[in-house]
């Protein structure tokens, strides 16, 4: 395992500035966000000018890109056509993991299964893999549902965000050990049942326990720090603190 950070830690900075900040904070690996409302790379830009997006991804100084986080605004066939372009960009950039949000609560289960089956099929044709992201308010907020969908869709993984199984959830939902075998990526911050993000060390996320579970499942990829700007937090300090903590734990 190794420690990374998502460029979405600095959502309001241009991509080059976000990368520079993460390099200054001594991260060696990063995930790049491709979101339509982002200052980094937009899915529509991937469609309109892939060469420029490729240049951005490969202008990361000494940092290694571990994955792409996608949030595609289009619907219907336009959604899948944009996803194809993102897969082409990932293949061109030698990036393996694409994180895709699941549907919101209320999305028909069979519809979500069919969507992910098609996404996985497209991704496999380009040599990349798809992982759904844990998120409160989405289908992926329920570990049982995640387990069933991943069981139905061969090749689909999970971008595990433990905070979204603790925040605003009953205690029994926070039992996500059975999902370890599906994990392709991990997002981390500290959280409580009442706050999605708190100072590192003031929440209930058991990083050591989680790392041991991942290690037993054979996970050897990124632990991706995802701490958002907050006027009540020392943002740079929190990013640095969690990086150092995770690095110490994976060395044990």
C-alpha atoms as a PDB file:
ATOM      1  CA  UNK A   1       0.000   0.000   0.000  1.00  0.00           C
ATOM      2  CA  UNK A   2       1.031   3.598  -0.490  1.00  0.00           C
ATOM      3  CA  UNK A   3      -0.356   7.010   0.459  1.00  0.00           C
ATOM      4  CA  UNK A   4      -1.845   9.322  -2.180  1.00  0.00           C
ATOM      5  CA  UNK A   5      -4.083  12.393  -2.252  1.00  0.00           C
ATOM      6  CA  UNK A   6      -6.817  13.471  -4.594  1.00  0.00           C
ATOM      7  CA  UNK A   7      -6.492  16.791  -6.396  1.00  0.00           C
ATOM      8  CA  UNK A   8     -10.081  17.352  -5.207  1.00  0.00           C
ATOM      9  CA  UNK A   9      -8.497  18.344  -1.874  1.00  0.00           C
ATOM     10  CA  UNK A  10      -8.036  21.692  -3.654  1.00  0.00           C
ATOM     11  CA  UNK A  11     -11.246  21.939  -5.699  1.00  0.00           C
ATOM     12  CA  UNK A  12     -11.013  25.688  -6.310  1.00  0.00           C
ATOM     13  CA  UNK A  13      -7.435  25.744  -7.582  1.00  0.00           C
ATOM     14  CA  UNK A  14      -6.349  25.084 -11.180  1.00  0.00           C
ATOM     15  CA  UNK A  15      -4.937  21.587 -11.620  1.00  0.00           C
ATOM     16  CA  UNK A  16      -1.296  22.695 -11.828  1.00  0.00           C
ATOM     17  CA  UNK A  17      -1.682  24.680  -8.606  1.00  0.00           C
ATOM     18  CA  UNK A  18      -3.380  21.765  -6.811  1.00  0.00           C
ATOM     19  CA  UNK A  19      -0.578  19.434  -7.914  1.00  0.00           C
ATOM     20  CA  UNK A  20       2.059  21.912  -6.754  1.00  0.00           C
ATOM     21  CA  UNK A  21       0.418  22.136  -3.320  1.00  0.00           C
ATOM     22  CA  UNK A  22       0.310  18.344  -2.952  1.00  0.00           C
ATOM     23  CA  UNK A  23       3.946  18.098  -4.006  1.00  0.00           C
ATOM     24  CA  UNK A  24       4.876  20.744  -1.411  1.00  0.00           C
ATOM     25  CA  UNK A  25       3.025  18.634   1.187  1.00  0.00           C
ATOM     26  CA  UNK A  26       5.288  15.735   0.166  1.00  0.00           C
ATOM     27  CA  UNK A  27       2.721  13.468  -1.443  1.00  0.00           C
ATOM     28  CA  UNK A  28       4.260  11.227  -4.084  1.00  0.00           C
ATOM     29  CA  UNK A  29       1.032   9.844  -5.621  1.00  0.00           C
ATOM     30  CA  UNK A  30      -2.168  11.620  -6.658  1.00  0.00           C
ATOM     31  CA  UNK A  31      -5.600  10.952  -8.059  1.00  0.00           C
ATOM     32  CA  UNK A  32      -6.924  13.492 -10.567  1.00  0.00           C
ATOM     33  CA  UNK A  33     -10.550  14.593 -10.532  1.00  0.00           C
ATOM     34  CA  UNK A  34     -12.419  14.841 -13.837  1.00  0.00           C
ATOM     35  CA  UNK A  35     -15.615  16.620 -12.799  1.00  0.00           C
ATOM     36  CA  UNK A  36     -17.741  19.018 -14.807  1.00  0.00           C
ATOM     37  CA  UNK A  37     -17.855  21.508 -11.913  1.00  0.00           C
ATOM     38  CA  UNK A  38     -14.102  21.227 -11.268  1.00  0.00           C
ATOM     39  CA  UNK A  39     -11.257  23.635 -11.928  1.00  0.00           C
ATOM     40  CA  UNK A  40      -9.063  20.685 -12.889  1.00  0.00           C
ATOM     41  CA  UNK A  41     -10.249  18.663 -15.899  1.00  0.00           C
ATOM     42  CA  UNK A  42     -13.847  18.529 -17.095  1.00  0.00           C
ATOM     43  CA  UNK A  43     -15.354  15.503 -18.874  1.00  0.00           C
ATOM     44  CA  UNK A  44     -16.466  17.837 -21.650  1.00  0.00           C
ATOM     45  CA  UNK A  45     -12.813  18.877 -22.111  1.00  0.00           C
ATOM     46  CA  UNK A  46     -11.798  15.230 -22.463  1.00  0.00           C
ATOM     47  CA  UNK A  47     -14.319  14.932 -25.300  1.00  0.00           C
ATOM     48  CA  UNK A  48     -13.391  18.191 -27.015  1.00  0.00           C
ATOM     49  CA  UNK A  49      -9.587  18.172 -26.589  1.00  0.00           C
ATOM     50  CA  UNK A  50      -8.134  14.926 -25.307  1.00  0.00           C
ATOM     51  CA  UNK A  51      -4.588  15.950 -26.263  1.00  0.00           C
ATOM     52  CA  UNK A  52      -4.725  18.946 -23.927  1.00  0.00           C
ATOM     53  CA  UNK A  53      -6.095  16.775 -21.102  1.00  0.00           C
ATOM     54  CA  UNK A  54      -3.348  14.216 -21.693  1.00  0.00           C
ATOM     55  CA  UNK A  55      -0.748  16.989 -21.453  1.00  0.00           C
ATOM     56  CA  UNK A  56      -2.266  18.119 -18.132  1.00  0.00           C
ATOM     57  CA  UNK A  57      -2.167  14.601 -16.684  1.00  0.00           C
ATOM     58  CA  UNK A  58       1.430  14.185 -17.757  1.00  0.00           C
ATOM     59  CA  UNK A  59       2.503  17.543 -16.324  1.00  0.00           C
ATOM     60  CA  UNK A  60       2.447  16.310 -12.742  1.00  0.00           C
ATOM     61  CA  UNK A  61       6.113  16.995 -11.998  1.00  0.00           C
ATOM     62  CA  UNK A  62       7.425  14.036 -10.028  1.00  0.00           C
ATOM     63  CA  UNK A  63       4.019  12.809  -8.819  1.00  0.00           C
ATOM     64  CA  UNK A  64       2.551   9.480  -9.980  1.00  0.00           C
ATOM     65  CA  UNK A  65      -1.119   9.457 -11.023  1.00  0.00           C
ATOM     66  CA  UNK A  66      -2.878   6.460  -9.460  1.00  0.00           C
ATOM     67  CA  UNK A  67      -6.404   6.954 -10.793  1.00  0.00           C
ATOM     68  CA  UNK A  68      -9.094   9.249 -12.131  1.00  0.00           C
ATOM     69  CA  UNK A  69     -12.275  10.278 -10.339  1.00  0.00           C
ATOM     70  CA  UNK A  70     -15.103  10.813 -12.837  1.00  0.00           C
ATOM     71  CA  UNK A  71     -18.315  12.782 -12.436  1.00  0.00           C
ATOM     72  CA  UNK A  72     -20.032  12.925 -15.820  1.00  0.00           C
ATOM     73  CA  UNK A  73     -23.026  15.238 -16.098  1.00  0.00           C
ATOM     74  CA  UNK A  74     -24.472  13.896 -19.353  1.00  0.00           C
ATOM     75  CA  UNK A  75     -27.278  11.355 -19.407  1.00  0.00           C
ATOM     76  CA  UNK A  76     -28.312   8.542 -21.720  1.00  0.00           C
ATOM     77  CA  UNK A  77     -25.983   7.639 -24.571  1.00  0.00           C
ATOM     78  CA  UNK A  78     -24.037  10.888 -24.172  1.00  0.00           C
ATOM     79  CA  UNK A  79     -22.975   9.658 -20.721  1.00  0.00           C
ATOM     80  CA  UNK A  80     -21.511   6.455 -22.130  1.00  0.00           C
ATOM     81  CA  UNK A  81     -19.822   8.224 -25.044  1.00  0.00           C
ATOM     82  CA  UNK A  82     -18.093  10.578 -22.607  1.00  0.00           C
ATOM     83  CA  UNK A  83     -17.104   7.608 -20.452  1.00  0.00           C
ATOM     84  CA  UNK A  84     -15.520   5.964 -23.495  1.00  0.00           C
ATOM     85  CA  UNK A  85     -13.392   9.076 -24.034  1.00  0.00           C
ATOM     86  CA  UNK A  86     -12.324   9.033 -20.373  1.00  0.00           C
ATOM     87  CA  UNK A  87     -11.300   5.384 -20.765  1.00  0.00           C
ATOM     88  CA  UNK A  88      -9.271   6.313 -23.846  1.00  0.00           C
ATOM     89  CA  UNK A  89      -7.556   9.062 -21.859  1.00  0.00           C
ATOM     90  CA  UNK A  90      -6.820   6.649 -18.986  1.00  0.00           C
ATOM     91  CA  UNK A  91      -5.350   4.063 -21.357  1.00  0.00           C
ATOM     92  CA  UNK A  92      -3.244   6.705 -23.093  1.00  0.00           C
ATOM     93  CA  UNK A  93      -1.975   7.917 -19.718  1.00  0.00           C
ATOM     94  CA  UNK A  94      -1.384   4.372 -18.376  1.00  0.00           C
ATOM     95  CA  UNK A  95      -3.920   4.880 -15.568  1.00  0.00           C
ATOM     96  CA  UNK A  96      -5.833   1.802 -14.416  1.00  0.00           C
ATOM     97  CA  UNK A  97      -8.548   2.804 -11.926  1.00  0.00           C
ATOM     98  CA  UNK A  98     -11.591   4.958 -12.725  1.00  0.00           C
ATOM     99  CA  UNK A  99     -13.880   5.880  -9.822  1.00  0.00           C
ATOM    100  CA  UNK A 100     -17.511   6.457 -10.810  1.00  0.00           C
ATOM    101  CA  UNK A 101     -20.299   7.627  -8.458  1.00  0.00           C
ATOM    102  CA  UNK A 102     -23.280   5.364  -7.990  1.00  0.00           C
ATOM    103  CA  UNK A 103     -26.854   6.472  -8.602  1.00  0.00           C
ATOM    104  CA  UNK A 104     -28.781   8.402  -5.989  1.00  0.00           C
ATOM    105  CA  UNK A 105     -31.152   6.674  -3.595  1.00  0.00           C
ATOM    106  CA  UNK A 106     -34.264   5.717  -5.512  1.00  0.00           C
ATOM    107  CA  UNK A 107     -32.403   4.640  -8.636  1.00  0.00           C
ATOM    108  CA  UNK A 108     -33.887   1.265  -9.669  1.00  0.00           C
ATOM    109  CA  UNK A 109     -31.533  -1.541  -8.670  1.00  0.00           C
ATOM    110  CA  UNK A 110     -31.686  -3.354 -12.021  1.00  0.00           C
ATOM    111  CA  UNK A 111     -30.995  -0.079 -13.863  1.00  0.00           C
ATOM    112  CA  UNK A 112     -27.882   0.501 -11.770  1.00  0.00           C
ATOM    113  CA  UNK A 113     -26.660  -3.047 -12.324  1.00  0.00           C
ATOM    114  CA  UNK A 114     -27.082  -2.704 -16.101  1.00  0.00           C
ATOM    115  CA  UNK A 115     -25.294   0.662 -16.093  1.00  0.00           C
ATOM    116  CA  UNK A 116     -22.298  -0.743 -14.271  1.00  0.00           C
ATOM    117  CA  UNK A 117     -22.224  -3.851 -16.476  1.00  0.00           C
ATOM    118  CA  UNK A 118     -21.930  -1.603 -19.505  1.00  0.00           C
ATOM    119  CA  UNK A 119     -19.295   0.606 -17.859  1.00  0.00           C
ATOM    120  CA  UNK A 120     -17.187  -2.409 -16.890  1.00  0.00           C
ATOM    121  CA  UNK A 121     -17.449  -3.851 -20.394  1.00  0.00           C
ATOM    122  CA  UNK A 122     -16.303  -0.551 -21.924  1.00  0.00           C
ATOM    123  CA  UNK A 123     -13.487  -0.192 -19.392  1.00  0.00           C
ATOM    124  CA  UNK A 124     -12.202  -3.727 -19.969  1.00  0.00           C
ATOM    125  CA  UNK A 125     -11.944  -3.009 -23.688  1.00  0.00           C
ATOM    126  CA  UNK A 126      -9.500  -0.212 -22.803  1.00  0.00           C
ATOM    127  CA  UNK A 127      -7.547  -2.104 -20.151  1.00  0.00           C
ATOM    128  CA  UNK A 128      -8.906  -0.119 -17.210  1.00  0.00           C
ATOM    129  CA  UNK A 129     -11.205  -0.953 -14.315  1.00  0.00           C
ATOM    130  CA  UNK A 130     -14.243   0.688 -12.744  1.00  0.00           C
ATOM    131  CA  UNK A 131     -14.958   1.249  -9.052  1.00  0.00           C
ATOM    132  CA  UNK A 132     -18.120   2.713  -7.552  1.00  0.00           C
ATOM    133  CA  UNK A 133     -17.576   5.248  -4.779  1.00  0.00           C
ATOM    134  CA  UNK A 134     -19.154   5.015  -1.332  1.00  0.00           C
ATOM    135  CA  UNK A 135     -21.347   8.049  -0.766  1.00  0.00           C
ATOM    136  CA  UNK A 136     -24.123   9.024   1.623  1.00  0.00           C
ATOM    137  CA  UNK A 137     -27.339   9.668  -0.299  1.00  0.00           C
ATOM    138  CA  UNK A 138     -26.410   7.224  -3.040  1.00  0.00           C
ATOM    139  CA  UNK A 139     -27.063   3.529  -3.522  1.00  0.00           C
ATOM    140  CA  UNK A 140     -23.467   2.835  -2.473  1.00  0.00           C
ATOM    141  CA  UNK A 141     -24.200   4.116   1.062  1.00  0.00           C
ATOM    142  CA  UNK A 142     -25.501   0.645   1.968  1.00  0.00           C
ATOM    143  CA  UNK A 143     -22.789  -2.051   2.217  1.00  0.00           C
ATOM    144  CA  UNK A 144     -25.322  -4.805   1.536  1.00  0.00           C
ATOM    145  CA  UNK A 145     -26.356  -3.144  -1.723  1.00  0.00           C
ATOM    146  CA  UNK A 146     -22.720  -2.631  -2.726  1.00  0.00           C
ATOM    147  CA  UNK A 147     -22.021  -6.303  -2.074  1.00  0.00           C
ATOM    148  CA  UNK A 148     -24.969  -7.410  -4.203  1.00  0.00           C
ATOM    149  CA  UNK A 149     -24.133  -5.067  -7.109  1.00  0.00           C
ATOM    150  CA  UNK A 150     -20.459  -6.064  -7.124  1.00  0.00           C
ATOM    151  CA  UNK A 151     -21.571  -9.686  -6.992  1.00  0.00           C
ATOM    152  CA  UNK A 152     -23.817  -9.177 -10.014  1.00  0.00           C
ATOM    153  CA  UNK A 153     -21.273  -7.186 -12.031  1.00  0.00           C
ATOM    154  CA  UNK A 154     -18.110  -9.203 -12.526  1.00  0.00           C
ATOM    155  CA  UNK A 155     -15.058  -6.938 -12.536  1.00  0.00           C
ATOM    156  CA  UNK A 156     -16.723  -4.030 -10.727  1.00  0.00           C
ATOM    157  CA  UNK A 157     -14.827  -2.755  -7.700  1.00  0.00           C
ATOM    158  CA  UNK A 158     -15.380  -0.308  -4.862  1.00  0.00           C
ATOM    159  CA  UNK A 159     -13.672   2.985  -4.084  1.00  0.00           C
ATOM    160  CA  UNK A 160     -14.153   2.633  -0.350  1.00  0.00           C
ATOM    161  CA  UNK A 161     -14.803   5.815   1.629  1.00  0.00           C
ATOM    162  CA  UNK A 162     -15.358   4.671   5.237  1.00  0.00           C
ATOM    163  CA  UNK A 163     -16.563   8.124   6.313  1.00  0.00           C
ATOM    164  CA  UNK A 164     -19.727   7.621   4.283  1.00  0.00           C
ATOM    165  CA  UNK A 165     -20.536   4.460   6.252  1.00  0.00           C
ATOM    166  CA  UNK A 166     -20.238   6.315   9.565  1.00  0.00           C
ATOM    167  CA  UNK A 167     -21.610   9.803   8.904  1.00  0.00           C
ATOM    168  CA  UNK A 168     -25.376  10.014   9.362  1.00  0.00           C
ATOM    169  CA  UNK A 169     -25.721   6.244   9.403  1.00  0.00           C
ATOM    170  CA  UNK A 170     -26.946   3.773  12.050  1.00  0.00           C
ATOM    171  CA  UNK A 171     -24.074   1.821  13.697  1.00  0.00           C
ATOM    172  CA  UNK A 172     -24.877  -1.428  11.892  1.00  0.00           C
ATOM    173  CA  UNK A 173     -24.222   0.213   8.489  1.00  0.00           C
ATOM    174  CA  UNK A 174     -20.633   0.932   9.501  1.00  0.00           C
ATOM    175  CA  UNK A 175     -19.882  -2.799   9.250  1.00  0.00           C
ATOM    176  CA  UNK A 176     -18.216  -2.911   5.842  1.00  0.00           C
ATOM    177  CA  UNK A 177     -15.605  -5.633   6.404  1.00  0.00           C
ATOM    178  CA  UNK A 178     -17.333  -7.893   3.869  1.00  0.00           C
ATOM    179  CA  UNK A 179     -16.524  -5.379   1.114  1.00  0.00           C
ATOM    180  CA  UNK A 180     -12.735  -5.642   1.420  1.00  0.00           C
ATOM    181  CA  UNK A 181     -12.438  -8.070  -1.477  1.00  0.00           C
ATOM    182  CA  UNK A 182     -14.012  -5.548  -3.848  1.00  0.00           C
ATOM    183  CA  UNK A 183     -11.822  -2.549  -2.912  1.00  0.00           C
ATOM    184  CA  UNK A 184      -9.921  -0.943  -5.809  1.00  0.00           C
ATOM    185  CA  UNK A 185      -9.289   2.419  -4.131  1.00  0.00           C
ATOM    186  CA  UNK A 186      -9.658   4.036  -0.685  1.00  0.00           C
ATOM    187  CA  UNK A 187     -10.511   7.617   0.320  1.00  0.00           C
ATOM    188  CA  UNK A 188      -9.705   8.773   3.839  1.00  0.00           C
ATOM    189  CA  UNK A 189     -10.323  11.617   6.300  1.00  0.00           C
ATOM    190  CA  UNK A 190     -11.523  11.534   9.918  1.00  0.00           C
ATOM    191  CA  UNK A 191     -15.259  11.615  10.659  1.00  0.00           C
ATOM    192  CA  UNK A 192     -17.935  11.195  13.302  1.00  0.00           C
ATOM    193  CA  UNK A 193     -21.599  10.135  12.981  1.00  0.00           C
ATOM    194  CA  UNK A 194     -22.494  13.857  13.060  1.00  0.00           C
ATOM    195  CA  UNK A 195     -19.694  15.338  10.937  1.00  0.00           C
ATOM    196  CA  UNK A 196     -18.325  14.002   7.682  1.00  0.00           C
ATOM    197  CA  UNK A 197     -14.997  15.751   8.262  1.00  0.00           C
ATOM    198  CA  UNK A 198     -13.294  16.569  11.558  1.00  0.00           C
ATOM    199  CA  UNK A 199      -9.698  17.108  12.646  1.00  0.00           C
ATOM    200  CA  UNK A 200      -7.546  14.031  12.260  1.00  0.00           C
ATOM    201  CA  UNK A 201      -7.631  12.171  15.567  1.00  0.00           C
ATOM    202  CA  UNK A 202     -10.949  13.636  16.722  1.00  0.00           C
ATOM    203  CA  UNK A 203     -13.115  11.196  14.767  1.00  0.00           C
ATOM    204  CA  UNK A 204     -13.859   7.488  14.865  1.00  0.00           C
ATOM    205  CA  UNK A 205     -12.124   6.207  11.721  1.00  0.00           C
ATOM    206  CA  UNK A 206      -9.858   3.329  12.788  1.00  0.00           C
ATOM    207  CA  UNK A 207      -7.089   3.618  10.222  1.00  0.00           C
ATOM    208  CA  UNK A 208      -4.975   0.823  11.670  1.00  0.00           C
ATOM    209  CA  UNK A 209      -7.870  -1.643  11.724  1.00  0.00           C
ATOM    210  CA  UNK A 210      -8.847  -0.695   8.182  1.00  0.00           C
ATOM    211  CA  UNK A 211      -5.293  -1.128   6.891  1.00  0.00           C
ATOM    212  CA  UNK A 212      -5.084  -4.558   8.510  1.00  0.00           C
ATOM    213  CA  UNK A 213      -8.368  -5.605   6.876  1.00  0.00           C
ATOM    214  CA  UNK A 214      -7.157  -4.364   3.502  1.00  0.00           C
ATOM    215  CA  UNK A 215      -3.828  -6.124   3.944  1.00  0.00           C
ATOM    216  CA  UNK A 216      -5.579  -9.429   4.725  1.00  0.00           C
ATOM    217  CA  UNK A 217      -7.630  -9.001   1.532  1.00  0.00           C
ATOM    218  CA  UNK A 218      -4.444  -8.540  -0.486  1.00  0.00           C
ATOM    219  CA  UNK A 219      -5.014  -4.854  -1.202  1.00  0.00           C
ATOM    220  CA  UNK A 220      -1.778  -3.166  -2.311  1.00  0.00           C
ATOM    221  CA  UNK A 221      -2.904   0.096  -3.875  1.00  0.00           C
ATOM    222  CA  UNK A 222      -3.597   3.693  -2.809  1.00  0.00           C
ATOM    223  CA  UNK A 223      -4.821   5.096   0.475  1.00  0.00           C
ATOM    224  CA  UNK A 224      -6.057   8.405  -0.933  1.00  0.00           C
ATOM    225  CA  UNK A 225      -6.314  11.369   1.427  1.00  0.00           C
ATOM    226  CA  UNK A 226      -9.442  13.431   0.686  1.00  0.00           C
ATOM    227  CA  UNK A 227      -9.710  16.377   3.073  1.00  0.00           C
ATOM    228  CA  UNK A 228     -11.739  19.335   1.855  1.00  0.00           C
ATOM    229  CA  UNK A 229     -11.010  22.996   2.675  1.00  0.00           C
ATOM    230  CA  UNK A 230     -12.736  24.116   5.873  1.00  0.00           C
ATOM    231  CA  UNK A 231     -12.328  27.554   7.470  1.00  0.00           C
ATOM    232  CA  UNK A 232     -12.226  25.894  10.897  1.00  0.00           C
ATOM    233  CA  UNK A 233      -9.368  23.569   9.959  1.00  0.00           C
ATOM    234  CA  UNK A 234      -5.706  24.076   9.141  1.00  0.00           C
ATOM    235  CA  UNK A 235      -6.122  22.462   5.739  1.00  0.00           C
ATOM    236  CA  UNK A 236      -2.443  21.996   4.904  1.00  0.00           C
ATOM    237  CA  UNK A 237      -1.736  20.811   8.433  1.00  0.00           C
ATOM    238  CA  UNK A 238      -4.520  18.219   8.316  1.00  0.00           C
ATOM    239  CA  UNK A 239      -3.349  16.888   4.964  1.00  0.00           C
ATOM    240  CA  UNK A 240       0.205  16.574   6.244  1.00  0.00           C
ATOM    241  CA  UNK A 241      -0.918  14.989   9.524  1.00  0.00           C
ATOM    242  CA  UNK A 242      -2.981  12.274   7.828  1.00  0.00           C
ATOM    243  CA  UNK A 243      -0.210  11.546   5.309  1.00  0.00           C
ATOM    244  CA  UNK A 244       2.314  11.017   8.092  1.00  0.00           C
ATOM    245  CA  UNK A 245      -0.124   8.896  10.120  1.00  0.00           C
ATOM    246  CA  UNK A 246      -0.967   6.617   7.194  1.00  0.00           C
ATOM    247  CA  UNK A 247       2.683   6.283   6.198  1.00  0.00           C
ATOM    248  CA  UNK A 248       3.554   5.204   9.739  1.00  0.00           C
ATOM    249  CA  UNK A 249       0.765   2.607   9.800  1.00  0.00           C
ATOM    250  CA  UNK A 250       1.598   0.964   6.496  1.00  0.00           C
ATOM    251  CA  UNK A 251       5.207   0.574   7.615  1.00  0.00           C
ATOM    252  CA  UNK A 252       4.149  -1.577  10.598  1.00  0.00           C
END
